[in-house]
């Protein structure tokens, strides 16, 4: 799919997010599966009517399909009519965060409370991410005492703007700088920072407490 444009990638993303086949989406959008396949695999844009039908079939908006909301904070819309807030048990929290992705490290930095996004993986029950050795996060997450780690918070979430639903998981535990002799044991996590650069310092968070909540409709 070398010619796939942004619209095609967003169609595929939403279709897979909903667990729908190409045929199911095409039927709901009143178009042929062949045409939907063409839109997914080629850099092209259908007419306005087809876009609105596609957005409805994929439970999103035309703005989202066209990338119009990419640079704005998520979750600006109103709440659903009768939202329900559910407390998640630890097993469900672990299931939700198991695939890895992007989470936020929260700690008391040298300039005050700090929250930074990182790519993470779950490896042998612990959260693993990478940062730059000697960087701000490296220094701020050290106590200066041998064998004593700083306890931090790590937050992961998923937001469905279309349905105004989502979940959030909070992991709390010590941030352990993985020493060179232990690095071989965490490289198997496969975590890769989107930011690139020399980020060879692995930090592991062993959860001491995991809590979570989910917002959904009745």
N, C-alpha and C. Protein backbone atom coordinates (compact mmCIF):
# COMPACT_ATOMS: atom_id res chain seq x y z
N UNK A 1 0.83 -1.20 0.00
CA UNK A 1 0.00 0.00 0.00
C UNK A 1 0.87 1.25 0.00
N UNK A 2 1.83 1.30 -0.94
CA UNK A 2 2.75 2.42 -0.97
C UNK A 2 2.06 3.74 -1.24
N UNK A 3 0.89 3.68 -1.94
CA UNK A 3 0.21 4.93 -2.27
C UNK A 3 -0.82 5.37 -1.26
N UNK A 4 -0.96 4.63 -0.17
CA UNK A 4 -1.98 4.95 0.83
C UNK A 4 -1.76 6.35 1.41
N UNK A 5 -2.82 7.17 1.38
CA UNK A 5 -2.74 8.51 1.94
C UNK A 5 -3.21 8.54 3.37
N UNK A 6 -3.24 9.76 3.95
CA UNK A 6 -3.67 9.90 5.34
C UNK A 6 -5.10 9.43 5.53
N UNK A 7 -6.00 9.75 4.58
CA UNK A 7 -7.39 9.31 4.70
C UNK A 7 -7.47 7.79 4.74
N UNK A 8 -6.74 7.12 3.86
CA UNK A 8 -6.76 5.66 3.84
C UNK A 8 -6.29 5.07 5.15
N UNK A 9 -5.23 5.64 5.72
CA UNK A 9 -4.72 5.13 7.00
C UNK A 9 -5.73 5.35 8.12
N UNK A 10 -6.44 6.47 8.08
CA UNK A 10 -7.43 6.73 9.14
C UNK A 10 -8.64 5.81 8.99
N UNK A 11 -9.03 5.52 7.76
CA UNK A 11 -10.13 4.58 7.54
C UNK A 11 -9.76 3.21 8.10
N UNK A 12 -8.56 2.74 7.78
CA UNK A 12 -8.09 1.45 8.28
C UNK A 12 -8.03 1.45 9.80
N UNK A 13 -7.50 2.54 10.38
CA UNK A 13 -7.39 2.63 11.84
C UNK A 13 -8.75 2.49 12.50
N UNK A 14 -9.74 3.25 12.03
CA UNK A 14 -11.06 3.21 12.67
C UNK A 14 -11.76 1.88 12.41
N UNK A 15 -11.59 1.31 11.23
CA UNK A 15 -12.21 0.02 10.93
C UNK A 15 -11.65 -1.06 11.86
N UNK A 16 -10.34 -1.07 12.04
CA UNK A 16 -9.73 -2.06 12.92
C UNK A 16 -10.07 -1.79 14.38
N UNK A 17 -10.17 -0.49 14.74
CA UNK A 17 -10.55 -0.14 16.11
C UNK A 17 -11.91 -0.71 16.47
N UNK A 18 -12.83 -0.72 15.49
CA UNK A 18 -14.18 -1.22 15.72
C UNK A 18 -14.29 -2.72 15.48
N UNK A 19 -13.23 -3.32 14.94
CA UNK A 19 -13.27 -4.74 14.65
C UNK A 19 -14.20 -5.10 13.50
N UNK A 20 -14.30 -4.20 12.52
CA UNK A 20 -15.21 -4.40 11.39
C UNK A 20 -14.45 -4.84 10.14
N UNK A 21 -15.10 -5.63 9.32
CA UNK A 21 -14.51 -6.01 8.04
C UNK A 21 -14.76 -4.89 7.04
N UNK A 22 -14.03 -4.94 5.94
CA UNK A 22 -14.22 -3.95 4.88
C UNK A 22 -15.65 -4.04 4.33
N UNK A 23 -16.18 -5.26 4.23
CA UNK A 23 -17.53 -5.45 3.71
C UNK A 23 -18.58 -4.83 4.63
N UNK A 24 -18.38 -4.97 5.93
CA UNK A 24 -19.35 -4.41 6.88
C UNK A 24 -19.38 -2.89 6.81
N UNK A 25 -18.20 -2.27 6.74
CA UNK A 25 -18.14 -0.81 6.65
C UNK A 25 -18.74 -0.34 5.33
N UNK A 26 -18.41 -1.03 4.24
CA UNK A 26 -18.91 -0.63 2.92
C UNK A 26 -20.43 -0.70 2.88
N UNK A 27 -21.01 -1.74 3.47
CA UNK A 27 -22.46 -1.87 3.48
C UNK A 27 -23.12 -0.72 4.23
N UNK A 28 -22.56 -0.37 5.39
CA UNK A 28 -23.13 0.73 6.18
C UNK A 28 -22.95 2.07 5.47
N UNK A 29 -21.85 2.23 4.76
CA UNK A 29 -21.56 3.48 4.08
C UNK A 29 -22.18 3.55 2.69
N UNK A 30 -22.91 2.50 2.31
CA UNK A 30 -23.59 2.46 1.01
C UNK A 30 -22.59 2.63 -0.14
N UNK A 31 -21.53 1.86 -0.10
CA UNK A 31 -20.57 1.86 -1.20
C UNK A 31 -20.07 0.44 -1.39
N UNK A 32 -19.42 0.18 -2.49
CA UNK A 32 -18.93 -1.17 -2.76
C UNK A 32 -17.66 -1.44 -1.96
N UNK A 33 -17.44 -2.70 -1.54
CA UNK A 33 -16.19 -3.04 -0.86
C UNK A 33 -14.97 -2.71 -1.71
N UNK A 34 -15.12 -2.83 -3.04
CA UNK A 34 -14.01 -2.52 -3.93
C UNK A 34 -13.61 -1.05 -3.88
N UNK A 35 -14.62 -0.17 -3.78
CA UNK A 35 -14.32 1.25 -3.71
C UNK A 35 -13.69 1.60 -2.36
N UNK A 36 -14.19 0.96 -1.29
CA UNK A 36 -13.59 1.20 0.02
C UNK A 36 -12.14 0.72 0.03
N UNK A 37 -11.88 -0.41 -0.60
CA UNK A 37 -10.51 -0.91 -0.70
C UNK A 37 -9.64 0.09 -1.46
N UNK A 38 -10.19 0.69 -2.50
CA UNK A 38 -9.45 1.70 -3.27
C UNK A 38 -9.11 2.91 -2.39
N UNK A 39 -10.09 3.36 -1.58
CA UNK A 39 -9.84 4.52 -0.71
C UNK A 39 -8.78 4.20 0.34
N UNK A 40 -8.77 2.96 0.82
CA UNK A 40 -7.78 2.58 1.82
C UNK A 40 -6.37 2.49 1.24
N UNK A 41 -6.28 2.15 -0.03
CA UNK A 41 -4.97 1.86 -0.61
C UNK A 41 -4.44 2.94 -1.54
N UNK A 42 -5.20 4.00 -1.74
CA UNK A 42 -4.76 5.05 -2.66
C UNK A 42 -4.98 6.43 -2.04
N UNK A 43 -4.13 7.37 -2.42
CA UNK A 43 -4.24 8.74 -1.91
C UNK A 43 -5.30 9.48 -2.70
N UNK A 44 -6.53 9.34 -2.29
CA UNK A 44 -7.66 9.96 -2.98
C UNK A 44 -8.70 10.36 -1.95
N UNK A 45 -9.61 11.25 -2.32
CA UNK A 45 -10.66 11.71 -1.41
C UNK A 45 -12.01 11.58 -2.10
N UNK A 46 -12.99 10.91 -1.49
CA UNK A 46 -14.31 10.75 -2.11
C UNK A 46 -15.12 12.04 -2.00
N UNK A 47 -16.31 12.04 -2.60
CA UNK A 47 -17.16 13.23 -2.52
C UNK A 47 -17.70 13.40 -1.10
N UNK A 48 -18.29 14.55 -0.85
CA UNK A 48 -18.73 14.89 0.51
C UNK A 48 -19.72 13.89 1.07
N UNK A 49 -20.68 13.45 0.24
CA UNK A 49 -21.68 12.50 0.72
C UNK A 49 -21.06 11.20 1.17
N UNK A 50 -20.11 10.70 0.40
CA UNK A 50 -19.44 9.44 0.76
C UNK A 50 -18.63 9.61 2.04
N UNK A 51 -18.01 10.78 2.21
CA UNK A 51 -17.24 11.03 3.42
C UNK A 51 -18.13 10.98 4.66
N UNK A 52 -19.30 11.60 4.57
CA UNK A 52 -20.20 11.60 5.73
C UNK A 52 -20.71 10.19 6.02
N UNK A 53 -20.99 9.41 4.99
CA UNK A 53 -21.45 8.04 5.21
C UNK A 53 -20.34 7.19 5.82
N UNK A 54 -19.10 7.42 5.35
CA UNK A 54 -17.97 6.69 5.91
C UNK A 54 -17.76 7.04 7.39
N UNK A 55 -17.83 8.32 7.69
CA UNK A 55 -17.64 8.76 9.07
C UNK A 55 -18.69 8.13 9.98
N UNK A 56 -19.94 8.07 9.50
CA UNK A 56 -21.01 7.47 10.29
C UNK A 56 -20.77 5.97 10.47
N UNK A 57 -20.33 5.30 9.41
CA UNK A 57 -20.07 3.87 9.50
C UNK A 57 -18.93 3.56 10.45
N UNK A 58 -17.96 4.47 10.53
CA UNK A 58 -16.78 4.26 11.37
C UNK A 58 -16.92 4.93 12.74
N UNK A 59 -18.09 5.47 13.02
CA UNK A 59 -18.41 6.09 14.31
C UNK A 59 -17.38 7.16 14.67
N UNK A 60 -17.13 8.02 13.68
CA UNK A 60 -16.23 9.16 13.90
C UNK A 60 -16.79 10.35 13.14
N UNK A 61 -15.97 11.34 12.88
CA UNK A 61 -16.42 12.55 12.20
C UNK A 61 -15.62 12.74 10.90
N UNK A 62 -16.22 13.53 9.98
CA UNK A 62 -15.51 13.86 8.75
C UNK A 62 -14.23 14.62 9.08
N UNK A 63 -14.29 15.52 10.05
CA UNK A 63 -13.11 16.26 10.46
C UNK A 63 -11.99 15.33 10.88
N UNK A 64 -12.35 14.30 11.64
CA UNK A 64 -11.34 13.36 12.09
C UNK A 64 -10.76 12.57 10.92
N UNK A 65 -11.61 12.11 10.02
CA UNK A 65 -11.13 11.34 8.87
C UNK A 65 -10.17 12.16 8.01
N UNK A 66 -10.42 13.48 7.92
CA UNK A 66 -9.58 14.34 7.11
C UNK A 66 -8.39 14.90 7.88
N UNK A 67 -8.30 14.57 9.19
CA UNK A 67 -7.15 15.01 9.98
C UNK A 67 -7.27 16.42 10.50
N UNK A 68 -8.49 16.98 10.48
CA UNK A 68 -8.65 18.37 10.90
C UNK A 68 -8.45 18.60 12.38
N UNK A 69 -8.58 17.55 13.19
CA UNK A 69 -8.45 17.74 14.64
C UNK A 69 -7.14 17.24 15.21
N UNK A 70 -6.13 17.04 14.36
CA UNK A 70 -4.89 16.42 14.82
C UNK A 70 -4.11 17.27 15.81
N UNK A 71 -4.22 18.59 15.73
CA UNK A 71 -3.41 19.45 16.59
C UNK A 71 -4.20 20.09 17.72
N UNK A 72 -5.28 19.47 18.13
CA UNK A 72 -6.03 20.01 19.26
C UNK A 72 -6.11 18.96 20.36
N UNK A 73 -6.23 19.39 21.61
CA UNK A 73 -6.37 18.43 22.70
C UNK A 73 -7.63 17.59 22.51
N UNK A 74 -7.57 16.35 22.95
CA UNK A 74 -8.71 15.46 22.80
C UNK A 74 -9.70 15.65 23.93
N UNK A 75 -10.95 15.26 23.65
CA UNK A 75 -11.98 15.26 24.68
C UNK A 75 -12.67 16.59 24.90
N UNK A 76 -12.78 17.42 23.85
CA UNK A 76 -13.41 18.73 24.03
C UNK A 76 -14.93 18.68 24.01
N UNK A 77 -15.50 17.62 23.46
CA UNK A 77 -16.96 17.56 23.32
C UNK A 77 -17.67 17.41 24.65
N UNK A 78 -19.00 17.57 24.63
CA UNK A 78 -19.78 17.42 25.87
C UNK A 78 -19.84 15.97 26.32
N UNK A 79 -20.17 15.78 27.59
CA UNK A 79 -20.31 14.43 28.12
C UNK A 79 -21.55 13.77 27.55
N UNK A 80 -21.60 12.45 27.56
CA UNK A 80 -22.80 11.74 27.12
C UNK A 80 -23.92 11.99 28.12
N UNK A 81 -25.12 11.65 27.72
CA UNK A 81 -26.30 11.98 28.53
C UNK A 81 -26.28 11.33 29.92
N UNK A 82 -25.92 10.06 29.97
CA UNK A 82 -25.94 9.35 31.26
C UNK A 82 -24.66 8.54 31.41
N UNK A 83 -23.55 9.23 31.67
CA UNK A 83 -22.27 8.50 31.78
C UNK A 83 -22.21 7.67 33.06
N UNK A 84 -21.43 6.59 32.98
CA UNK A 84 -21.22 5.74 34.15
C UNK A 84 -19.72 5.63 34.38
N UNK A 85 -19.29 5.89 35.60
CA UNK A 85 -17.88 5.79 35.97
C UNK A 85 -17.66 4.48 36.71
N UNK A 86 -16.83 3.61 36.13
CA UNK A 86 -16.59 2.28 36.67
C UNK A 86 -15.16 2.18 37.21
N UNK A 87 -15.01 1.62 38.39
CA UNK A 87 -13.69 1.36 38.96
C UNK A 87 -13.20 0.00 38.45
N UNK A 88 -11.98 -0.02 37.93
CA UNK A 88 -11.42 -1.23 37.36
C UNK A 88 -10.55 -1.97 38.38
N UNK A 89 -10.62 -3.29 38.36
CA UNK A 89 -9.75 -4.05 39.26
C UNK A 89 -8.36 -4.18 38.62
N UNK A 90 -7.41 -4.67 39.40
CA UNK A 90 -6.03 -4.73 38.91
C UNK A 90 -5.87 -5.61 37.69
N UNK A 91 -6.59 -6.72 37.65
CA UNK A 91 -6.47 -7.63 36.52
C UNK A 91 -6.90 -6.95 35.22
N UNK A 92 -7.99 -6.20 35.28
CA UNK A 92 -8.46 -5.50 34.08
C UNK A 92 -7.50 -4.38 33.69
N UNK A 93 -6.96 -3.69 34.68
CA UNK A 93 -5.97 -2.64 34.40
C UNK A 93 -4.76 -3.23 33.68
N UNK A 94 -4.27 -4.34 34.17
CA UNK A 94 -3.11 -4.97 33.54
C UNK A 94 -3.43 -5.42 32.11
N UNK A 95 -4.64 -5.90 31.90
CA UNK A 95 -5.04 -6.32 30.55
C UNK A 95 -5.04 -5.13 29.59
N UNK A 96 -5.54 -4.00 30.05
CA UNK A 96 -5.65 -2.82 29.19
C UNK A 96 -4.29 -2.26 28.79
N UNK A 97 -3.34 -2.27 29.72
CA UNK A 97 -2.05 -1.65 29.43
C UNK A 97 -1.04 -2.63 28.83
N UNK A 98 -1.39 -3.92 28.80
CA UNK A 98 -0.46 -4.95 28.34
C UNK A 98 0.11 -4.72 26.93
N UNK A 99 -0.68 -4.19 25.96
CA UNK A 99 -0.12 -4.04 24.61
C UNK A 99 0.99 -3.01 24.51
N UNK A 100 1.16 -2.16 25.51
CA UNK A 100 2.15 -1.09 25.43
C UNK A 100 1.62 0.09 24.63
N UNK A 101 2.45 1.12 24.49
CA UNK A 101 2.01 2.32 23.78
C UNK A 101 2.67 3.55 24.36
N UNK A 102 1.85 4.57 24.62
CA UNK A 102 2.36 5.82 25.20
C UNK A 102 1.73 6.03 26.57
N UNK A 103 2.58 6.33 27.55
CA UNK A 103 2.12 6.65 28.89
C UNK A 103 2.80 7.91 29.37
N UNK A 104 2.41 8.39 30.53
CA UNK A 104 2.96 9.63 31.07
C UNK A 104 3.63 9.38 32.41
N UNK A 105 4.88 9.80 32.50
CA UNK A 105 5.64 9.67 33.74
C UNK A 105 5.42 10.92 34.57
N UNK A 106 4.97 10.77 35.79
CA UNK A 106 4.73 11.91 36.68
C UNK A 106 5.67 11.82 37.88
N UNK A 107 6.42 12.90 38.11
CA UNK A 107 7.40 12.89 39.20
C UNK A 107 7.68 14.32 39.64
N UNK A 108 8.34 14.46 40.76
CA UNK A 108 8.72 15.78 41.27
C UNK A 108 10.10 16.11 40.72
N UNK A 109 10.15 16.91 39.66
CA UNK A 109 11.41 17.23 39.01
C UNK A 109 12.13 18.39 39.66
N UNK A 110 13.29 18.71 39.12
CA UNK A 110 14.10 19.79 39.68
C UNK A 110 13.42 21.15 39.54
N UNK A 111 12.46 21.27 38.62
CA UNK A 111 11.73 22.53 38.45
C UNK A 111 10.28 22.43 38.91
N UNK A 112 9.99 21.40 39.71
CA UNK A 112 8.64 21.24 40.23
C UNK A 112 7.95 20.02 39.63
N UNK A 113 6.67 19.83 39.94
CA UNK A 113 5.92 18.68 39.42
C UNK A 113 6.03 18.61 37.90
N UNK A 114 6.34 17.42 37.40
CA UNK A 114 6.61 17.25 35.97
C UNK A 114 5.89 16.02 35.45
N UNK A 115 5.32 16.13 34.24
CA UNK A 115 4.68 14.99 33.57
C UNK A 115 5.22 14.93 32.16
N UNK A 116 5.76 13.78 31.75
CA UNK A 116 6.35 13.63 30.43
C UNK A 116 5.85 12.35 29.76
N UNK A 117 5.52 12.42 28.47
CA UNK A 117 5.08 11.22 27.74
C UNK A 117 6.27 10.38 27.29
N UNK A 118 6.11 9.06 27.35
CA UNK A 118 7.15 8.14 26.88
C UNK A 118 6.48 6.94 26.22
N UNK A 119 7.19 6.29 25.32
CA UNK A 119 6.75 5.00 24.80
C UNK A 119 7.13 3.93 25.81
N UNK A 120 6.22 3.01 26.06
CA UNK A 120 6.49 1.99 27.07
C UNK A 120 6.08 0.61 26.57
N UNK A 121 6.60 -0.40 27.24
CA UNK A 121 6.19 -1.79 27.07
C UNK A 121 6.03 -2.41 28.45
N UNK A 122 5.19 -3.42 28.54
CA UNK A 122 5.09 -4.20 29.77
C UNK A 122 5.97 -5.43 29.59
N UNK A 123 6.95 -5.59 30.48
CA UNK A 123 7.91 -6.68 30.36
C UNK A 123 8.06 -7.38 31.70
N UNK A 124 7.65 -8.63 31.75
CA UNK A 124 7.72 -9.43 32.98
C UNK A 124 7.03 -8.72 34.14
N UNK A 125 5.87 -8.14 33.84
CA UNK A 125 5.04 -7.52 34.86
C UNK A 125 5.41 -6.09 35.22
N UNK A 126 6.49 -5.57 34.65
CA UNK A 126 6.94 -4.20 34.96
C UNK A 126 6.78 -3.30 33.74
N UNK A 127 6.67 -1.99 34.00
CA UNK A 127 6.65 -0.99 32.93
C UNK A 127 8.09 -0.67 32.56
N UNK A 128 8.41 -0.69 31.28
CA UNK A 128 9.76 -0.39 30.83
C UNK A 128 9.72 0.73 29.80
N UNK A 129 10.55 1.75 29.96
CA UNK A 129 10.70 2.78 28.95
C UNK A 129 12.16 3.20 28.88
N UNK A 130 12.50 3.97 27.85
CA UNK A 130 13.88 4.39 27.65
C UNK A 130 13.98 5.91 27.66
N UNK A 131 15.11 6.41 28.14
CA UNK A 131 15.38 7.84 28.15
C UNK A 131 16.87 8.07 27.90
N UNK A 132 17.26 9.33 27.82
CA UNK A 132 18.66 9.65 27.54
C UNK A 132 19.47 9.65 28.83
N UNK A 133 20.58 8.94 28.81
CA UNK A 133 21.47 8.94 29.97
C UNK A 133 22.02 10.35 30.18
N UNK A 134 21.96 10.82 31.42
CA UNK A 134 22.43 12.15 31.74
C UNK A 134 21.41 13.24 31.49
N UNK A 135 20.26 12.87 30.94
CA UNK A 135 19.21 13.85 30.68
C UNK A 135 18.45 14.22 31.93
N UNK A 136 17.48 15.13 31.76
CA UNK A 136 16.72 15.63 32.90
C UNK A 136 15.98 14.51 33.64
N UNK A 137 15.35 13.60 32.90
CA UNK A 137 14.60 12.55 33.57
C UNK A 137 15.54 11.58 34.28
N UNK A 138 16.68 11.34 33.69
CA UNK A 138 17.68 10.47 34.33
C UNK A 138 18.07 11.05 35.68
N UNK A 139 18.42 12.32 35.72
CA UNK A 139 18.87 12.94 36.97
C UNK A 139 17.75 13.08 37.98
N UNK A 140 16.56 13.50 37.51
CA UNK A 140 15.46 13.75 38.44
C UNK A 140 14.90 12.48 39.06
N UNK A 141 15.16 11.33 38.44
CA UNK A 141 14.63 10.08 38.96
C UNK A 141 15.67 9.29 39.77
N UNK A 142 16.73 9.98 40.19
CA UNK A 142 17.75 9.34 41.03
C UNK A 142 17.74 9.95 42.43
N UNK A 143 17.88 9.11 43.44
CA UNK A 143 17.94 9.60 44.81
C UNK A 143 19.36 9.94 45.22
N UNK A 144 20.34 9.36 44.54
CA UNK A 144 21.74 9.53 44.94
C UNK A 144 22.16 8.54 46.00
N UNK A 145 21.22 7.65 46.40
CA UNK A 145 21.51 6.64 47.42
C UNK A 145 21.48 5.26 46.78
N UNK A 146 22.48 4.47 47.03
CA UNK A 146 22.58 3.13 46.47
C UNK A 146 21.41 2.27 46.92
N UNK A 147 20.70 1.69 45.94
CA UNK A 147 19.59 0.79 46.24
C UNK A 147 18.29 1.47 46.63
N UNK A 148 18.24 2.79 46.56
CA UNK A 148 17.01 3.52 46.91
C UNK A 148 16.46 4.19 45.66
N UNK A 149 15.25 3.83 45.27
CA UNK A 149 14.62 4.39 44.07
C UNK A 149 13.54 5.39 44.44
N UNK A 150 13.24 6.29 43.51
CA UNK A 150 12.18 7.28 43.70
C UNK A 150 10.86 6.67 43.25
N UNK A 151 9.83 6.81 44.09
CA UNK A 151 8.51 6.33 43.72
C UNK A 151 7.83 7.36 42.82
N UNK A 152 7.32 6.89 41.69
CA UNK A 152 6.69 7.80 40.73
C UNK A 152 5.32 7.26 40.34
N UNK A 153 4.62 8.04 39.52
CA UNK A 153 3.33 7.61 38.97
C UNK A 153 3.47 7.50 37.46
N UNK A 154 2.75 6.55 36.89
CA UNK A 154 2.76 6.34 35.45
C UNK A 154 1.32 6.16 35.01
N UNK A 155 0.87 6.98 34.06
CA UNK A 155 -0.54 6.98 33.65
C UNK A 155 -0.69 6.65 32.18
N UNK A 156 -1.64 5.77 31.88
CA UNK A 156 -1.95 5.38 30.51
C UNK A 156 -3.46 5.54 30.31
N UNK A 157 -3.87 6.00 29.13
CA UNK A 157 -5.31 6.12 28.90
C UNK A 157 -5.66 5.85 27.45
N UNK A 158 -6.94 5.71 27.21
CA UNK A 158 -7.47 5.55 25.86
C UNK A 158 -8.78 6.31 25.80
N UNK A 159 -8.95 7.17 24.78
CA UNK A 159 -10.12 8.03 24.68
C UNK A 159 -10.82 7.79 23.36
N UNK A 160 -12.12 7.55 23.42
CA UNK A 160 -12.96 7.44 22.23
C UNK A 160 -13.82 8.70 22.18
N UNK A 161 -13.36 9.69 21.39
CA UNK A 161 -14.07 10.97 21.35
C UNK A 161 -15.47 10.84 20.77
N UNK A 162 -15.61 9.98 19.78
CA UNK A 162 -16.90 9.85 19.12
C UNK A 162 -17.99 9.42 20.09
N UNK A 163 -17.68 8.44 20.94
CA UNK A 163 -18.66 7.92 21.89
C UNK A 163 -18.51 8.50 23.29
N UNK A 164 -17.53 9.42 23.45
CA UNK A 164 -17.27 10.07 24.74
C UNK A 164 -17.05 9.02 25.83
N UNK A 165 -16.26 8.04 25.50
CA UNK A 165 -15.92 6.97 26.42
C UNK A 165 -14.41 6.87 26.55
N UNK A 166 -13.96 6.13 27.54
CA UNK A 166 -12.52 5.93 27.67
C UNK A 166 -12.16 5.31 29.00
N UNK A 167 -10.88 5.02 29.14
CA UNK A 167 -10.38 4.46 30.40
C UNK A 167 -9.04 5.08 30.74
N UNK A 168 -8.68 5.01 32.00
CA UNK A 168 -7.41 5.53 32.49
C UNK A 168 -6.88 4.59 33.56
N UNK A 169 -5.60 4.29 33.45
CA UNK A 169 -4.94 3.41 34.44
C UNK A 169 -3.77 4.15 35.05
N UNK A 170 -3.64 4.07 36.37
CA UNK A 170 -2.55 4.71 37.10
C UNK A 170 -1.70 3.63 37.77
N UNK A 171 -0.41 3.64 37.43
CA UNK A 171 0.55 2.71 38.04
C UNK A 171 1.47 3.50 38.95
N UNK A 172 1.66 3.04 40.17
CA UNK A 172 2.56 3.70 41.12
C UNK A 172 3.61 2.70 41.60
N UNK A 173 4.86 3.14 41.61
CA UNK A 173 5.93 2.27 42.04
C UNK A 173 7.28 2.94 41.87
N UNK A 174 8.36 2.29 42.32
CA UNK A 174 9.70 2.87 42.22
C UNK A 174 10.23 2.81 40.79
N UNK A 175 10.94 3.89 40.39
CA UNK A 175 11.58 3.96 39.07
C UNK A 175 13.02 3.47 39.23
N UNK A 176 13.30 2.30 38.69
CA UNK A 176 14.62 1.67 38.83
C UNK A 176 15.44 1.86 37.57
N UNK A 177 16.59 2.51 37.68
CA UNK A 177 17.51 2.63 36.56
C UNK A 177 18.18 1.28 36.32
N UNK A 178 17.95 0.71 35.17
CA UNK A 178 18.50 -0.61 34.88
C UNK A 178 20.00 -0.47 34.61
N UNK A 179 20.86 -1.07 35.45
CA UNK A 179 22.31 -0.96 35.26
C UNK A 179 22.75 -1.78 34.05
N UNK A 180 23.94 -1.50 33.51
CA UNK A 180 24.44 -2.20 32.30
C UNK A 180 24.37 -3.71 32.40
N UNK A 181 24.67 -4.25 33.58
CA UNK A 181 24.70 -5.71 33.71
C UNK A 181 23.29 -6.33 33.66
N UNK A 182 22.24 -5.49 33.76
CA UNK A 182 20.87 -6.01 33.72
C UNK A 182 20.15 -5.66 32.42
N UNK A 183 20.80 -4.87 31.55
CA UNK A 183 20.14 -4.39 30.33
C UNK A 183 19.69 -5.55 29.44
N UNK A 184 20.49 -6.60 29.36
CA UNK A 184 20.15 -7.74 28.51
C UNK A 184 18.79 -8.33 28.88
N UNK A 185 18.42 -8.17 30.15
CA UNK A 185 17.15 -8.72 30.60
C UNK A 185 15.94 -7.92 30.21
N UNK A 186 16.13 -6.65 29.77
CA UNK A 186 14.98 -5.82 29.40
C UNK A 186 14.94 -5.46 27.92
N UNK A 187 16.01 -5.71 27.19
CA UNK A 187 16.01 -5.38 25.76
C UNK A 187 14.96 -6.19 25.00
N UNK A 188 14.59 -7.33 25.56
CA UNK A 188 13.56 -8.14 24.94
C UNK A 188 12.19 -7.49 24.96
N UNK A 189 12.03 -6.42 25.72
CA UNK A 189 10.73 -5.73 25.77
C UNK A 189 10.40 -5.09 24.42
N UNK A 190 11.45 -4.73 23.66
CA UNK A 190 11.22 -4.14 22.33
C UNK A 190 10.71 -2.72 22.35
N UNK A 191 10.87 -2.01 23.44
CA UNK A 191 10.37 -0.64 23.50
C UNK A 191 11.23 0.28 22.64
N UNK A 192 10.57 1.12 21.81
CA UNK A 192 11.27 2.03 20.90
C UNK A 192 10.73 3.44 21.07
N UNK A 193 11.54 4.39 21.51
CA UNK A 193 11.07 5.78 21.69
C UNK A 193 10.79 6.45 20.35
N UNK A 194 9.63 7.04 20.20
CA UNK A 194 9.30 7.79 18.99
C UNK A 194 10.24 8.98 18.83
N UNK A 195 10.70 9.53 19.94
CA UNK A 195 11.54 10.74 19.87
C UNK A 195 12.90 10.47 19.26
N UNK A 196 13.30 9.20 19.18
CA UNK A 196 14.58 8.85 18.58
C UNK A 196 15.75 9.32 19.44
N UNK A 197 16.91 9.43 18.82
CA UNK A 197 18.09 9.88 19.54
C UNK A 197 18.70 8.78 20.39
N UNK A 198 19.74 9.15 21.12
CA UNK A 198 20.44 8.19 21.97
C UNK A 198 19.70 8.04 23.30
N UNK A 199 18.76 7.15 23.33
CA UNK A 199 17.96 6.90 24.54
C UNK A 199 18.20 5.46 24.98
N UNK A 200 19.39 5.23 25.46
CA UNK A 200 19.81 3.87 25.78
C UNK A 200 19.65 3.52 27.26
N UNK A 201 19.18 4.48 28.08
CA UNK A 201 18.96 4.19 29.49
C UNK A 201 17.56 3.61 29.68
N UNK A 202 17.51 2.39 30.19
CA UNK A 202 16.23 1.74 30.46
C UNK A 202 15.82 2.04 31.90
N UNK A 203 14.55 2.40 32.05
CA UNK A 203 13.99 2.60 33.39
C UNK A 203 12.81 1.64 33.55
N UNK A 204 12.79 0.96 34.67
CA UNK A 204 11.76 -0.05 34.94
C UNK A 204 10.94 0.39 36.15
N UNK A 205 9.64 0.33 36.02
CA UNK A 205 8.75 0.63 37.14
C UNK A 205 8.09 -0.67 37.58
N UNK A 206 8.38 -1.10 38.77
CA UNK A 206 7.74 -2.30 39.33
C UNK A 206 6.48 -1.84 40.07
N UNK A 207 5.29 -2.18 39.55
CA UNK A 207 4.06 -1.66 40.15
C UNK A 207 3.87 -2.09 41.60
N UNK A 208 3.60 -1.12 42.46
CA UNK A 208 3.21 -1.41 43.83
C UNK A 208 1.70 -1.24 44.00
N UNK A 209 1.14 -0.39 43.14
CA UNK A 209 -0.31 -0.19 43.17
C UNK A 209 -0.77 0.14 41.75
N UNK A 210 -1.84 -0.51 41.31
CA UNK A 210 -2.42 -0.25 39.99
C UNK A 210 -3.91 -0.01 40.16
N UNK A 211 -4.38 1.13 39.73
CA UNK A 211 -5.79 1.48 39.82
C UNK A 211 -6.26 1.99 38.46
N UNK A 212 -7.55 1.95 38.23
CA UNK A 212 -8.05 2.44 36.96
C UNK A 212 -9.54 2.73 37.00
N UNK A 213 -9.98 3.51 36.01
CA UNK A 213 -11.39 3.84 35.89
C UNK A 213 -11.79 3.83 34.41
N UNK A 214 -13.05 3.58 34.17
CA UNK A 214 -13.57 3.60 32.82
C UNK A 214 -14.86 4.42 32.80
N UNK A 215 -15.02 5.24 31.78
CA UNK A 215 -16.25 6.00 31.57
C UNK A 215 -16.96 5.39 30.37
N UNK A 216 -18.23 5.03 30.55
CA UNK A 216 -19.01 4.51 29.41
C UNK A 216 -20.47 4.79 29.64
N UNK A 217 -21.27 4.53 28.61
CA UNK A 217 -22.72 4.78 28.70
C UNK A 217 -23.43 3.68 29.44
N UNK A 218 -24.65 3.98 29.80
CA UNK A 218 -25.47 3.01 30.51
C UNK A 218 -25.84 1.86 29.57
